[in-house]
Amino acid sequence: MQTLSPTELSALTSNATVLEHDGLGAKVLHLGDGSFLKLFRRRSVFSSETLKPYAKRFAQNAERLRYLGFNSPIIIQVYRLVDPINKTAVHYWPLPGQTLRHTLNSSSFERRQQLVEQFGELLAKLHECGVYFRSVHLGNVLVQPDGQLGLIDLADLRVSRFALSLSKRQRNLKHMRRYSEDQKWLFDEHLEALKSGYNRVASNQAFNLFE
């Protein structure tokens, strides 16, 4: 992890566009060369961020996903910041495309069926590879220009050596139901497409996931 001084941070973010922010300032910046800088703040003195910074988790998760055959951002550098608010940052090349949620909102019924089935395959592949992406939802999945799906916002992710248990898979689905649009597209209008895509990839023990 490379230390970045306030002067260096200012130079890096010169002419950047703020894509996300909160009450404390910018969270994601689009830099002049097309790359992104994502800033992480430590939530408390005794946060797990102290032991393993979120920027480092993001970078490691992106690299592990690519190793497993998923599309994820390409990491440039991870920084420790000399800053009282922002503690760490990850600099990366973003994936091109629109979020799956946005794409579904502007697609025909037939196209939505295809995309939801494709998402079901992606979700099953994650679960079979031992990836527990706790915050997975349709806003964290991109539809790329070539039609493939990619994953973003990766700090909240764990990878184990074994396929996920049925209870963890169910917990993943439950999380997605918290978002009204995801509930609509995945579980109300296109549930059969989701099940079809998922069951095409999942092992036999996960076939009753949607029961």
N, C-alpha and C. Protein backbone atom coordinates (compact mmCIF):
# COMPACT_ATOMS: atom_id res chain seq x y z
N MET A 1 0.85 -1.19 0.00
CA MET A 1 0.00 0.00 0.00
C MET A 1 0.89 1.24 0.00
N GLN A 2 0.68 2.14 -0.94
CA GLN A 2 1.51 3.33 -1.11
C GLN A 2 0.90 4.53 -0.38
N THR A 3 1.71 5.27 0.36
CA THR A 3 1.24 6.47 1.05
C THR A 3 1.10 7.62 0.07
N LEU A 4 -0.01 8.33 0.16
CA LEU A 4 -0.30 9.45 -0.74
C LEU A 4 -0.50 10.71 0.10
N SER A 5 0.36 11.70 -0.10
CA SER A 5 0.27 12.95 0.65
C SER A 5 -0.88 13.81 0.14
N PRO A 6 -1.33 14.80 0.91
CA PRO A 6 -2.38 15.70 0.42
C PRO A 6 -2.02 16.37 -0.90
N THR A 7 -0.75 16.74 -1.06
CA THR A 7 -0.33 17.38 -2.32
C THR A 7 -0.44 16.41 -3.48
N GLU A 8 -0.02 15.18 -3.25
CA GLU A 8 -0.10 14.16 -4.31
C GLU A 8 -1.55 13.82 -4.63
N LEU A 9 -2.39 13.77 -3.59
CA LEU A 9 -3.82 13.50 -3.81
C LEU A 9 -4.46 14.61 -4.62
N SER A 10 -4.10 15.85 -4.30
CA SER A 10 -4.63 16.99 -5.04
C SER A 10 -4.22 16.95 -6.50
N ALA A 11 -2.97 16.57 -6.76
CA ALA A 11 -2.48 16.49 -8.14
C ALA A 11 -3.18 15.36 -8.89
N LEU A 12 -3.38 14.23 -8.21
CA LEU A 12 -4.02 13.08 -8.85
C LEU A 12 -5.46 13.38 -9.23
N THR A 13 -6.14 14.14 -8.38
CA THR A 13 -7.57 14.40 -8.60
C THR A 13 -7.84 15.74 -9.28
N SER A 14 -6.81 16.37 -9.77
CA SER A 14 -6.99 17.64 -10.49
C SER A 14 -7.92 17.44 -11.69
N ASN A 15 -8.93 18.28 -11.79
CA ASN A 15 -9.91 18.23 -12.89
C ASN A 15 -10.76 16.96 -12.88
N ALA A 16 -10.82 16.28 -11.72
CA ALA A 16 -11.65 15.08 -11.62
C ALA A 16 -13.13 15.46 -11.49
N THR A 17 -13.99 14.54 -11.88
CA THR A 17 -15.43 14.70 -11.72
C THR A 17 -15.90 13.82 -10.58
N VAL A 18 -16.67 14.38 -9.65
CA VAL A 18 -17.18 13.61 -8.52
C VAL A 18 -18.40 12.80 -8.98
N LEU A 19 -18.32 11.48 -8.83
CA LEU A 19 -19.43 10.60 -9.23
C LEU A 19 -20.32 10.24 -8.04
N GLU A 20 -19.72 10.12 -6.86
CA GLU A 20 -20.47 9.82 -5.64
C GLU A 20 -19.90 10.65 -4.50
N HIS A 21 -20.80 11.08 -3.59
CA HIS A 21 -20.34 11.86 -2.43
C HIS A 21 -21.30 11.65 -1.28
N ASP A 22 -20.87 12.05 -0.10
CA ASP A 22 -21.73 12.04 1.07
C ASP A 22 -21.50 13.34 1.83
N GLY A 23 -21.95 13.40 3.07
CA GLY A 23 -21.83 14.62 3.84
C GLY A 23 -20.41 15.03 4.15
N LEU A 24 -19.48 14.11 4.03
CA LEU A 24 -18.07 14.39 4.33
C LEU A 24 -17.26 14.71 3.08
N GLY A 25 -17.88 14.57 1.90
CA GLY A 25 -17.16 14.90 0.67
C GLY A 25 -17.23 13.81 -0.38
N ALA A 26 -16.31 13.86 -1.32
CA ALA A 26 -16.30 12.93 -2.45
C ALA A 26 -16.00 11.50 -2.00
N LYS A 27 -16.64 10.54 -2.66
CA LYS A 27 -16.39 9.13 -2.39
C LYS A 27 -15.81 8.41 -3.61
N VAL A 28 -16.30 8.76 -4.80
CA VAL A 28 -15.79 8.18 -6.04
C VAL A 28 -15.55 9.31 -7.03
N LEU A 29 -14.34 9.35 -7.60
CA LEU A 29 -13.99 10.40 -8.56
C LEU A 29 -13.59 9.79 -9.89
N HIS A 30 -14.02 10.44 -10.96
CA HIS A 30 -13.65 10.05 -12.32
C HIS A 30 -12.48 10.96 -12.71
N LEU A 31 -11.29 10.38 -12.84
CA LEU A 31 -10.09 11.17 -13.10
C LEU A 31 -9.96 11.51 -14.59
N GLY A 32 -9.07 12.43 -14.88
CA GLY A 32 -8.92 12.94 -16.24
C GLY A 32 -8.53 11.90 -17.26
N ASP A 33 -7.83 10.83 -16.84
CA ASP A 33 -7.39 9.80 -17.78
C ASP A 33 -8.42 8.69 -17.96
N GLY A 34 -9.59 8.84 -17.31
CA GLY A 34 -10.65 7.83 -17.43
C GLY A 34 -10.68 6.84 -16.29
N SER A 35 -9.66 6.83 -15.45
CA SER A 35 -9.63 5.91 -14.31
C SER A 35 -10.49 6.47 -13.17
N PHE A 36 -10.76 5.62 -12.17
CA PHE A 36 -11.57 6.01 -11.00
C PHE A 36 -10.71 5.97 -9.75
N LEU A 37 -11.05 6.82 -8.80
CA LEU A 37 -10.45 6.78 -7.46
C LEU A 37 -11.60 6.67 -6.46
N LYS A 38 -11.59 5.59 -5.69
CA LYS A 38 -12.64 5.36 -4.69
C LYS A 38 -12.04 5.55 -3.31
N LEU A 39 -12.64 6.43 -2.52
CA LEU A 39 -12.14 6.79 -1.20
C LEU A 39 -12.90 6.04 -0.12
N PHE A 40 -12.19 5.57 0.90
CA PHE A 40 -12.80 4.85 2.01
C PHE A 40 -12.47 5.56 3.31
N ARG A 41 -13.46 5.68 4.17
CA ARG A 41 -13.27 6.29 5.47
C ARG A 41 -13.37 5.23 6.56
N ARG A 42 -12.55 5.32 7.59
CA ARG A 42 -12.66 4.40 8.71
C ARG A 42 -13.85 4.81 9.55
N ARG A 43 -14.76 3.88 9.80
CA ARG A 43 -16.01 4.22 10.47
C ARG A 43 -15.86 4.43 11.97
N SER A 44 -14.88 3.76 12.59
CA SER A 44 -14.63 3.95 14.02
C SER A 44 -13.20 3.55 14.32
N VAL A 45 -12.73 3.89 15.50
CA VAL A 45 -11.35 3.60 15.89
C VAL A 45 -11.10 2.10 15.91
N PHE A 46 -12.13 1.32 16.32
CA PHE A 46 -11.96 -0.13 16.45
C PHE A 46 -12.59 -0.88 15.29
N SER A 47 -12.75 -0.23 14.17
CA SER A 47 -13.33 -0.86 12.99
C SER A 47 -12.38 -1.90 12.41
N SER A 48 -12.95 -2.89 11.70
CA SER A 48 -12.13 -3.89 11.01
C SER A 48 -11.29 -3.24 9.93
N GLU A 49 -11.64 -2.00 9.56
CA GLU A 49 -10.86 -1.23 8.58
C GLU A 49 -9.43 -1.06 9.07
N THR A 50 -9.24 -1.03 10.40
CA THR A 50 -7.90 -0.87 10.96
C THR A 50 -7.02 -2.07 10.62
N LEU A 51 -7.59 -3.27 10.67
CA LEU A 51 -6.82 -4.49 10.42
C LEU A 51 -6.65 -4.76 8.93
N LYS A 52 -7.72 -4.53 8.18
CA LYS A 52 -7.65 -4.77 6.73
C LYS A 52 -8.44 -3.69 6.02
N PRO A 53 -7.77 -2.63 5.55
CA PRO A 53 -8.45 -1.49 4.94
C PRO A 53 -9.36 -1.91 3.78
N TYR A 54 -10.50 -1.21 3.65
CA TYR A 54 -11.46 -1.54 2.61
C TYR A 54 -10.87 -1.39 1.21
N ALA A 55 -9.99 -0.42 1.04
CA ALA A 55 -9.36 -0.24 -0.27
C ALA A 55 -8.57 -1.49 -0.65
N LYS A 56 -7.88 -2.08 0.32
CA LYS A 56 -7.11 -3.29 0.07
C LYS A 56 -8.04 -4.46 -0.21
N ARG A 57 -9.15 -4.53 0.52
CA ARG A 57 -10.14 -5.60 0.28
C ARG A 57 -10.68 -5.49 -1.14
N PHE A 58 -11.03 -4.26 -1.53
CA PHE A 58 -11.57 -4.01 -2.88
C PHE A 58 -10.58 -4.52 -3.93
N ALA A 59 -9.33 -4.14 -3.78
CA ALA A 59 -8.31 -4.52 -4.76
C ALA A 59 -8.10 -6.04 -4.80
N GLN A 60 -7.99 -6.65 -3.64
CA GLN A 60 -7.78 -8.10 -3.59
C GLN A 60 -8.97 -8.85 -4.16
N ASN A 61 -10.17 -8.37 -3.85
CA ASN A 61 -11.37 -9.03 -4.36
C ASN A 61 -11.47 -8.92 -5.88
N ALA A 62 -11.12 -7.74 -6.40
CA ALA A 62 -11.15 -7.55 -7.86
C ALA A 62 -10.20 -8.53 -8.54
N GLU A 63 -9.02 -8.69 -7.97
CA GLU A 63 -8.03 -9.58 -8.56
C GLU A 63 -8.43 -11.05 -8.43
N ARG A 64 -9.02 -11.42 -7.30
CA ARG A 64 -9.45 -12.81 -7.11
C ARG A 64 -10.60 -13.15 -8.06
N LEU A 65 -11.50 -12.21 -8.26
CA LEU A 65 -12.61 -12.45 -9.17
C LEU A 65 -12.12 -12.65 -10.60
N ARG A 66 -11.17 -11.83 -11.00
CA ARG A 66 -10.61 -11.99 -12.35
C ARG A 66 -9.92 -13.34 -12.49
N TYR A 67 -9.24 -13.77 -11.45
CA TYR A 67 -8.58 -15.08 -11.47
C TYR A 67 -9.61 -16.21 -11.62
N LEU A 68 -10.80 -16.02 -11.02
CA LEU A 68 -11.85 -17.03 -11.09
C LEU A 68 -12.66 -16.95 -12.38
N GLY A 69 -12.37 -15.97 -13.22
CA GLY A 69 -13.03 -15.89 -14.51
C GLY A 69 -14.16 -14.88 -14.60
N PHE A 70 -14.29 -14.01 -13.58
CA PHE A 70 -15.33 -12.98 -13.60
C PHE A 70 -14.74 -11.67 -14.13
N ASN A 71 -15.60 -10.81 -14.63
CA ASN A 71 -15.17 -9.48 -15.08
C ASN A 71 -15.23 -8.51 -13.92
N SER A 72 -14.12 -7.87 -13.61
CA SER A 72 -14.05 -6.91 -12.50
C SER A 72 -13.05 -5.81 -12.85
N PRO A 73 -13.07 -4.70 -12.10
CA PRO A 73 -12.14 -3.59 -12.39
C PRO A 73 -10.67 -4.02 -12.33
N ILE A 74 -9.85 -3.34 -13.12
CA ILE A 74 -8.40 -3.58 -13.12
C ILE A 74 -7.74 -2.59 -12.17
N ILE A 75 -7.06 -3.10 -11.16
CA ILE A 75 -6.48 -2.25 -10.12
C ILE A 75 -5.18 -1.61 -10.59
N ILE A 76 -5.04 -0.31 -10.31
CA ILE A 76 -3.82 0.43 -10.62
C ILE A 76 -2.94 0.54 -9.38
N GLN A 77 -3.55 0.98 -8.26
CA GLN A 77 -2.78 1.17 -7.03
C GLN A 77 -3.74 1.29 -5.84
N VAL A 78 -3.23 0.92 -4.67
CA VAL A 78 -3.96 1.11 -3.41
C VAL A 78 -3.17 2.10 -2.58
N TYR A 79 -3.86 3.08 -2.00
CA TYR A 79 -3.20 4.16 -1.28
C TYR A 79 -3.63 4.23 0.18
N ARG A 80 -2.68 4.59 1.02
CA ARG A 80 -2.98 5.03 2.38
C ARG A 80 -2.84 6.55 2.36
N LEU A 81 -3.89 7.26 2.81
CA LEU A 81 -3.92 8.71 2.70
C LEU A 81 -3.53 9.40 3.99
N VAL A 82 -2.81 10.49 3.87
CA VAL A 82 -2.48 11.34 5.02
C VAL A 82 -3.60 12.36 5.10
N ASP A 83 -4.73 11.93 5.66
CA ASP A 83 -5.96 12.72 5.61
C ASP A 83 -6.80 12.36 6.83
N PRO A 84 -7.36 13.33 7.57
CA PRO A 84 -8.11 13.03 8.79
C PRO A 84 -9.47 12.36 8.52
N ILE A 85 -9.99 12.45 7.30
CA ILE A 85 -11.31 11.89 6.99
C ILE A 85 -11.17 10.64 6.13
N ASN A 86 -10.53 10.79 4.97
CA ASN A 86 -10.33 9.67 4.06
C ASN A 86 -9.05 8.93 4.44
N LYS A 87 -9.17 7.66 4.75
CA LYS A 87 -8.03 6.91 5.25
C LYS A 87 -7.31 6.12 4.17
N THR A 88 -8.07 5.53 3.25
CA THR A 88 -7.47 4.73 2.18
C THR A 88 -8.21 5.02 0.88
N ALA A 89 -7.60 4.60 -0.23
CA ALA A 89 -8.23 4.78 -1.54
C ALA A 89 -7.72 3.70 -2.48
N VAL A 90 -8.55 3.37 -3.47
CA VAL A 90 -8.14 2.43 -4.50
C VAL A 90 -8.30 3.11 -5.86
N HIS A 91 -7.28 3.01 -6.67
CA HIS A 91 -7.23 3.63 -8.00
C HIS A 91 -7.37 2.49 -9.02
N TYR A 92 -8.33 2.58 -9.93
CA TYR A 92 -8.57 1.46 -10.83
C TYR A 92 -9.17 1.91 -12.16
N TRP A 93 -9.06 1.00 -13.14
CA TRP A 93 -9.73 1.20 -14.42
C TRP A 93 -11.11 0.58 -14.30
N PRO A 94 -12.16 1.36 -14.50
CA PRO A 94 -13.51 0.82 -14.33
C PRO A 94 -13.93 -0.04 -15.51
N LEU A 95 -14.92 -0.88 -15.27
CA LEU A 95 -15.52 -1.63 -16.37
C LEU A 95 -16.46 -0.71 -17.14
N PRO A 96 -16.53 -0.86 -18.45
CA PRO A 96 -17.49 -0.07 -19.23
C PRO A 96 -18.88 -0.69 -19.12
N GLY A 97 -19.91 0.12 -19.33
CA GLY A 97 -21.26 -0.41 -19.37
C GLY A 97 -22.22 0.30 -18.44
N GLN A 98 -23.46 -0.17 -18.43
CA GLN A 98 -24.52 0.36 -17.58
C GLN A 98 -24.90 -0.69 -16.54
N THR A 99 -25.41 -0.25 -15.41
CA THR A 99 -25.83 -1.22 -14.40
C THR A 99 -26.96 -2.09 -14.96
N LEU A 100 -27.04 -3.30 -14.47
CA LEU A 100 -28.09 -4.21 -14.89
C LEU A 100 -29.46 -3.64 -14.53
N ARG A 101 -29.55 -2.99 -13.40
CA ARG A 101 -30.83 -2.38 -12.99
C ARG A 101 -31.28 -1.33 -14.00
N HIS A 102 -30.36 -0.48 -14.41
CA HIS A 102 -30.67 0.56 -15.41
C HIS A 102 -31.06 -0.08 -16.74
N THR A 103 -30.32 -1.11 -17.15
CA THR A 103 -30.58 -1.76 -18.43
C THR A 103 -31.95 -2.43 -18.45
N LEU A 104 -32.30 -3.09 -17.35
CA LEU A 104 -33.60 -3.74 -17.27
C LEU A 104 -34.73 -2.73 -17.37
N ASN A 105 -34.53 -1.58 -16.77
CA ASN A 105 -35.57 -0.53 -16.79
C ASN A 105 -35.86 -0.02 -18.19
N SER A 106 -34.90 -0.15 -19.10
CA SER A 106 -35.07 0.40 -20.45
C SER A 106 -35.15 -0.69 -21.52
N SER A 107 -35.39 -1.95 -21.11
CA SER A 107 -35.39 -3.06 -22.06
C SER A 107 -36.79 -3.63 -22.28
N SER A 108 -36.96 -4.33 -23.40
CA SER A 108 -38.21 -5.01 -23.70
C SER A 108 -38.36 -6.23 -22.79
N PHE A 109 -39.55 -6.80 -22.76
CA PHE A 109 -39.80 -7.98 -21.93
C PHE A 109 -38.86 -9.12 -22.32
N GLU A 110 -38.70 -9.36 -23.61
CA GLU A 110 -37.84 -10.45 -24.08
C GLU A 110 -36.39 -10.23 -23.69
N ARG A 111 -35.92 -9.00 -23.80
CA ARG A 111 -34.54 -8.69 -23.43
C ARG A 111 -34.36 -8.84 -21.91
N ARG A 112 -35.35 -8.45 -21.14
CA ARG A 112 -35.27 -8.61 -19.68
C ARG A 112 -35.19 -10.09 -19.32
N GLN A 113 -35.96 -10.91 -19.99
CA GLN A 113 -35.90 -12.36 -19.75
C GLN A 113 -34.48 -12.88 -19.95
N GLN A 114 -33.87 -12.46 -21.05
CA GLN A 114 -32.52 -12.90 -21.38
C GLN A 114 -31.52 -12.42 -20.33
N LEU A 115 -31.63 -11.16 -19.93
CA LEU A 115 -30.68 -10.60 -18.97
C LEU A 115 -30.82 -11.23 -17.59
N VAL A 116 -32.05 -11.47 -17.15
CA VAL A 116 -32.27 -12.07 -15.84
C VAL A 116 -31.75 -13.51 -15.83
N GLU A 117 -31.95 -14.22 -16.93
CA GLU A 117 -31.40 -15.58 -17.03
C GLU A 117 -29.87 -15.55 -16.98
N GLN A 118 -29.29 -14.57 -17.66
CA GLN A 118 -27.84 -14.41 -17.65
C GLN A 118 -27.35 -14.08 -16.24
N PHE A 119 -28.10 -13.24 -15.54
CA PHE A 119 -27.74 -12.92 -14.16
C PHE A 119 -27.84 -14.15 -13.27
N GLY A 120 -28.85 -14.99 -13.50
CA GLY A 120 -28.97 -16.22 -12.73
C GLY A 120 -27.75 -17.10 -12.90
N GLU A 121 -27.23 -17.19 -14.11
CA GLU A 121 -26.01 -17.96 -14.36
C GLU A 121 -24.82 -17.35 -13.60
N LEU A 122 -24.71 -16.02 -13.64
CA LEU A 122 -23.62 -15.34 -12.93
C LEU A 122 -23.70 -15.59 -11.43
N LEU A 123 -24.90 -15.48 -10.87
CA LEU A 123 -25.07 -15.68 -9.43
C LEU A 123 -24.71 -17.10 -9.03
N ALA A 124 -25.14 -18.08 -9.83
CA ALA A 124 -24.82 -19.47 -9.53
C ALA A 124 -23.31 -19.71 -9.62
N LYS A 125 -22.66 -19.11 -10.61
CA LYS A 125 -21.21 -19.27 -10.75
C LYS A 125 -20.49 -18.69 -9.54
N LEU A 126 -20.94 -17.54 -9.07
CA LEU A 126 -20.36 -16.95 -7.85
C LEU A 126 -20.49 -17.93 -6.69
N HIS A 127 -21.69 -18.45 -6.49
CA HIS A 127 -21.95 -19.35 -5.37
C HIS A 127 -21.14 -20.63 -5.48
N GLU A 128 -21.04 -21.17 -6.68
CA GLU A 128 -20.29 -22.42 -6.87
C GLU A 128 -18.79 -22.20 -6.68
N CYS A 129 -18.32 -20.98 -6.95
CA CYS A 129 -16.89 -20.66 -6.76
C CYS A 129 -16.58 -20.22 -5.33
N GLY A 130 -17.58 -20.27 -4.45
CA GLY A 130 -17.36 -19.89 -3.06
C GLY A 130 -17.35 -18.40 -2.81
N VAL A 131 -17.90 -17.62 -3.72
CA VAL A 131 -17.93 -16.16 -3.57
C VAL A 131 -19.22 -15.73 -2.89
N TYR A 132 -19.08 -15.16 -1.71
CA TYR A 132 -20.23 -14.61 -1.01
C TYR A 132 -20.16 -13.09 -1.11
N PHE A 133 -20.86 -12.55 -2.09
CA PHE A 133 -20.93 -11.11 -2.34
C PHE A 133 -22.15 -10.60 -1.60
N ARG A 134 -21.94 -10.23 -0.34
CA ARG A 134 -23.07 -9.93 0.55
C ARG A 134 -23.95 -8.82 0.01
N SER A 135 -23.35 -7.83 -0.63
CA SER A 135 -24.11 -6.68 -1.12
C SER A 135 -24.52 -6.80 -2.59
N VAL A 136 -24.50 -8.01 -3.13
CA VAL A 136 -24.84 -8.14 -4.55
C VAL A 136 -26.28 -7.70 -4.79
N HIS A 137 -26.46 -6.86 -5.78
CA HIS A 137 -27.78 -6.43 -6.24
C HIS A 137 -27.61 -5.94 -7.67
N LEU A 138 -28.69 -5.57 -8.32
CA LEU A 138 -28.64 -5.24 -9.74
C LEU A 138 -27.90 -3.93 -10.02
N GLY A 139 -27.63 -3.14 -8.98
CA GLY A 139 -26.83 -1.93 -9.15
C GLY A 139 -25.34 -2.19 -9.07
N ASN A 140 -24.95 -3.40 -8.65
CA ASN A 140 -23.54 -3.78 -8.55
C ASN A 140 -23.10 -4.71 -9.69
N VAL A 141 -23.99 -4.87 -10.66
CA VAL A 141 -23.69 -5.70 -11.83
C VAL A 141 -23.81 -4.83 -13.07
N LEU A 142 -22.79 -4.88 -13.93
CA LEU A 142 -22.80 -4.08 -15.15
C LEU A 142 -23.07 -4.95 -16.37
N VAL A 143 -23.83 -4.39 -17.32
CA VAL A 143 -23.97 -5.00 -18.64
C VAL A 143 -22.96 -4.29 -19.53
N GLN A 144 -21.93 -5.02 -19.94
CA GLN A 144 -20.85 -4.43 -20.72
C GLN A 144 -21.22 -4.34 -22.20
N PRO A 145 -20.51 -3.52 -22.96
CA PRO A 145 -20.83 -3.35 -24.38
C PRO A 145 -20.83 -4.66 -25.17
N ASP A 146 -20.02 -5.64 -24.76
CA ASP A 146 -19.98 -6.92 -25.47
C ASP A 146 -21.07 -7.89 -24.98
N GLY A 147 -21.93 -7.42 -24.06
CA GLY A 147 -23.02 -8.25 -23.57
C GLY A 147 -22.70 -9.06 -22.33
N GLN A 148 -21.42 -9.11 -21.94
CA GLN A 148 -21.06 -9.85 -20.74
C GLN A 148 -21.42 -9.04 -19.49
N LEU A 149 -21.57 -9.74 -18.37
CA LEU A 149 -21.85 -9.08 -17.10
C LEU A 149 -20.56 -8.91 -16.30
N GLY A 150 -20.44 -7.78 -15.61
CA GLY A 150 -19.28 -7.52 -14.77
C GLY A 150 -19.72 -7.13 -13.37
N LEU A 151 -18.80 -7.18 -12.41
CA LEU A 151 -19.09 -6.89 -11.01
C LEU A 151 -18.32 -5.67 -10.54
N ILE A 152 -19.00 -4.83 -9.76
CA ILE A 152 -18.37 -3.62 -9.22
C ILE A 152 -18.69 -3.49 -7.73
N ASP A 153 -18.07 -2.50 -7.07
CA ASP A 153 -18.30 -2.21 -5.64
C ASP A 153 -18.01 -3.46 -4.80
N LEU A 154 -16.75 -3.85 -4.76
CA LEU A 154 -16.36 -5.19 -4.34
C LEU A 154 -15.81 -5.32 -2.93
N ALA A 155 -15.85 -4.29 -2.12
CA ALA A 155 -15.23 -4.37 -0.80
C ALA A 155 -15.95 -5.37 0.11
N ASP A 156 -17.26 -5.51 -0.09
CA ASP A 156 -18.08 -6.35 0.79
C ASP A 156 -18.24 -7.74 0.18
N LEU A 157 -17.14 -8.49 0.14
CA LEU A 157 -17.14 -9.77 -0.58
C LEU A 157 -16.15 -10.72 0.09
N ARG A 158 -16.52 -11.98 0.16
CA ARG A 158 -15.64 -13.01 0.72
C ARG A 158 -15.53 -14.17 -0.27
N VAL A 159 -14.36 -14.77 -0.33
CA VAL A 159 -14.15 -15.93 -1.20
C VAL A 159 -13.63 -17.09 -0.36
N SER A 160 -14.33 -18.22 -0.40
CA SER A 160 -13.90 -19.41 0.33
C SER A 160 -13.45 -20.48 -0.66
N ARG A 161 -12.89 -21.54 -0.14
CA ARG A 161 -12.40 -22.61 -1.01
C ARG A 161 -13.51 -23.54 -1.47
N PHE A 162 -14.67 -23.43 -0.84
CA PHE A 162 -15.76 -24.35 -1.13
C PHE A 162 -17.00 -23.60 -1.62
N ALA A 163 -17.85 -24.31 -2.34
CA ALA A 163 -19.12 -23.72 -2.79
C ALA A 163 -19.93 -23.28 -1.58
N LEU A 164 -20.74 -22.25 -1.76
CA LEU A 164 -21.53 -21.72 -0.65
C LEU A 164 -22.60 -22.70 -0.20
N SER A 165 -22.87 -22.66 1.09
CA SER A 165 -23.95 -23.47 1.65
C SER A 165 -25.30 -22.94 1.17
N LEU A 166 -26.33 -23.75 1.29
CA LEU A 166 -27.66 -23.34 0.87
C LEU A 166 -28.13 -22.13 1.66
N SER A 167 -27.80 -22.07 2.96
CA SER A 167 -28.24 -20.95 3.79
C SER A 167 -27.61 -19.63 3.34
N LYS A 168 -26.33 -19.66 2.93
CA LYS A 168 -25.69 -18.43 2.46
C LYS A 168 -26.26 -18.00 1.12
N ARG A 169 -26.60 -18.96 0.27
CA ARG A 169 -27.23 -18.63 -1.01
C ARG A 169 -28.58 -17.98 -0.77
N GLN A 170 -29.34 -18.52 0.16
CA GLN A 170 -30.65 -17.95 0.49
C GLN A 170 -30.51 -16.54 1.06
N ARG A 171 -29.46 -16.33 1.86
CA ARG A 171 -29.22 -15.01 2.43
C ARG A 171 -28.91 -14.00 1.33
N ASN A 172 -28.18 -14.42 0.30
CA ASN A 172 -27.89 -13.55 -0.84
C ASN A 172 -29.18 -13.13 -1.54
N LEU A 173 -30.06 -14.08 -1.79
CA LEU A 173 -31.33 -13.77 -2.44
C LEU A 173 -32.18 -12.83 -1.57
N LYS A 174 -32.17 -13.06 -0.27
CA LYS A 174 -32.95 -12.23 0.65
C LYS A 174 -32.47 -10.78 0.60
N HIS A 175 -31.16 -10.60 0.48
CA HIS A 175 -30.62 -9.24 0.41
C HIS A 175 -31.13 -8.52 -0.84
N MET A 176 -31.20 -9.21 -1.95
CA MET A 176 -31.66 -8.58 -3.19
C MET A 176 -33.13 -8.19 -3.12
N ARG A 177 -33.91 -8.89 -2.34
CA ARG A 177 -35.34 -8.59 -2.20
C ARG A 177 -35.58 -7.26 -1.48
N ARG A 178 -34.54 -6.72 -0.83
CA ARG A 178 -34.69 -5.45 -0.13
C ARG A 178 -34.86 -4.28 -1.09
N TYR A 179 -34.48 -4.46 -2.34
CA TYR A 179 -34.57 -3.39 -3.34
C TYR A 179 -35.82 -3.60 -4.19
N SER A 180 -36.69 -2.62 -4.21
CA SER A 180 -38.00 -2.79 -4.86
C SER A 180 -37.87 -3.15 -6.34
N GLU A 181 -36.95 -2.52 -7.06
CA GLU A 181 -36.79 -2.82 -8.48
C GLU A 181 -36.24 -4.23 -8.69
N ASP A 182 -35.31 -4.64 -7.82
CA ASP A 182 -34.76 -5.99 -7.93
C ASP A 182 -35.83 -7.03 -7.64
N GLN A 183 -36.65 -6.76 -6.64
CA GLN A 183 -37.76 -7.65 -6.32
C GLN A 183 -38.69 -7.78 -7.53
N LYS A 184 -38.96 -6.67 -8.17
CA LYS A 184 -39.86 -6.66 -9.33
C LYS A 184 -39.30 -7.48 -10.48
N TRP A 185 -38.06 -7.19 -10.88
CA TRP A 185 -37.50 -7.84 -12.06
C TRP A 185 -37.16 -9.31 -11.79
N LEU A 186 -36.57 -9.60 -10.64
CA LEU A 186 -36.06 -10.94 -10.39
C LEU A 186 -37.11 -11.91 -9.85
N PHE A 187 -37.94 -11.45 -8.93
CA PHE A 187 -38.81 -12.37 -8.21
C PHE A 187 -40.29 -12.26 -8.56
N ASP A 188 -40.69 -11.17 -9.16
CA ASP A 188 -42.10 -11.01 -9.55
C ASP A 188 -42.31 -11.32 -11.04
N GLU A 189 -41.58 -10.62 -11.90
CA GLU A 189 -41.84 -10.73 -13.33
C GLU A 189 -41.00 -11.80 -14.05
N HIS A 190 -39.78 -12.06 -13.56
CA HIS A 190 -38.89 -12.96 -14.32
C HIS A 190 -38.27 -14.04 -13.45
N LEU A 191 -39.02 -14.53 -12.48
CA LEU A 191 -38.48 -15.54 -11.57
C LEU A 191 -38.09 -16.82 -12.31
N GLU A 192 -38.89 -17.25 -13.27
CA GLU A 192 -38.58 -18.49 -13.99
C GLU A 192 -37.28 -18.35 -14.78
N ALA A 193 -37.04 -17.16 -15.34
CA ALA A 193 -35.78 -16.93 -16.06
C ALA A 193 -34.60 -16.98 -15.10
N LEU A 194 -34.77 -16.39 -13.92
CA LEU A 194 -33.72 -16.41 -12.90
C LEU A 194 -33.41 -17.85 -12.49
N LYS A 195 -34.45 -18.63 -12.21
CA LYS A 195 -34.27 -20.02 -11.82
C LYS A 195 -33.62 -20.84 -12.93
N SER A 196 -34.05 -20.61 -14.17
CA SER A 196 -33.49 -21.35 -15.30
C SER A 196 -32.00 -21.10 -15.45
N GLY A 197 -31.59 -19.84 -15.38
CA GLY A 197 -30.17 -19.51 -15.49
C GLY A 197 -29.37 -20.06 -14.33
N TYR A 198 -29.92 -19.93 -13.11
CA TYR A 198 -29.21 -20.39 -11.93
C TYR A 198 -29.03 -21.91 -11.96
N ASN A 199 -30.10 -22.63 -12.26
CA ASN A 199 -30.05 -24.09 -12.21
C ASN A 199 -29.19 -24.68 -13.33
N ARG A 200 -28.95 -23.91 -14.37
CA ARG A 200 -28.10 -24.38 -15.46
C ARG A 200 -26.65 -24.53 -14.99
N VAL A 201 -26.26 -23.74 -14.00
CA VAL A 201 -24.88 -23.72 -13.52
C VAL A 201 -24.72 -24.38 -12.16
N ALA A 202 -25.73 -24.27 -11.31
CA ALA A 202 -25.62 -24.71 -9.91
C ALA A 202 -25.57 -26.23 -9.81
N SER A 203 -24.96 -26.69 -8.73
CA SER A 203 -24.91 -28.12 -8.43
C SER A 203 -26.30 -28.59 -7.99
N ASN A 204 -26.50 -29.89 -8.00
CA ASN A 204 -27.81 -30.45 -7.70
C ASN A 204 -28.33 -30.04 -6.32
N GLN A 205 -27.43 -29.89 -5.36
CA GLN A 205 -27.86 -29.59 -4.00
C GLN A 205 -28.49 -28.20 -3.87
N ALA A 206 -28.29 -27.35 -4.88
CA ALA A 206 -28.84 -25.99 -4.82
C ALA A 206 -30.10 -25.83 -5.65
N PHE A 207 -30.61 -26.93 -6.21
CA PHE A 207 -31.77 -26.84 -7.08
C PHE A 207 -33.03 -26.37 -6.35
N ASN A 208 -33.10 -26.59 -5.03
CA ASN A 208 -34.29 -26.16 -4.28
C ASN A 208 -34.11 -24.79 -3.64
N LEU A 209 -33.14 -24.03 -4.14
CA LEU A 209 -32.87 -22.70 -3.58
C LEU A 209 -34.09 -21.80 -3.65
N PHE A 210 -34.89 -21.89 -4.68
CA PHE A 210 -36.00 -20.98 -4.88
C PHE A 210 -37.33 -21.54 -4.35
N GLU A 211 -37.27 -22.69 -3.68
CA GLU A 211 -38.51 -23.29 -3.16
C GLU A 211 -38.97 -22.59 -1.89
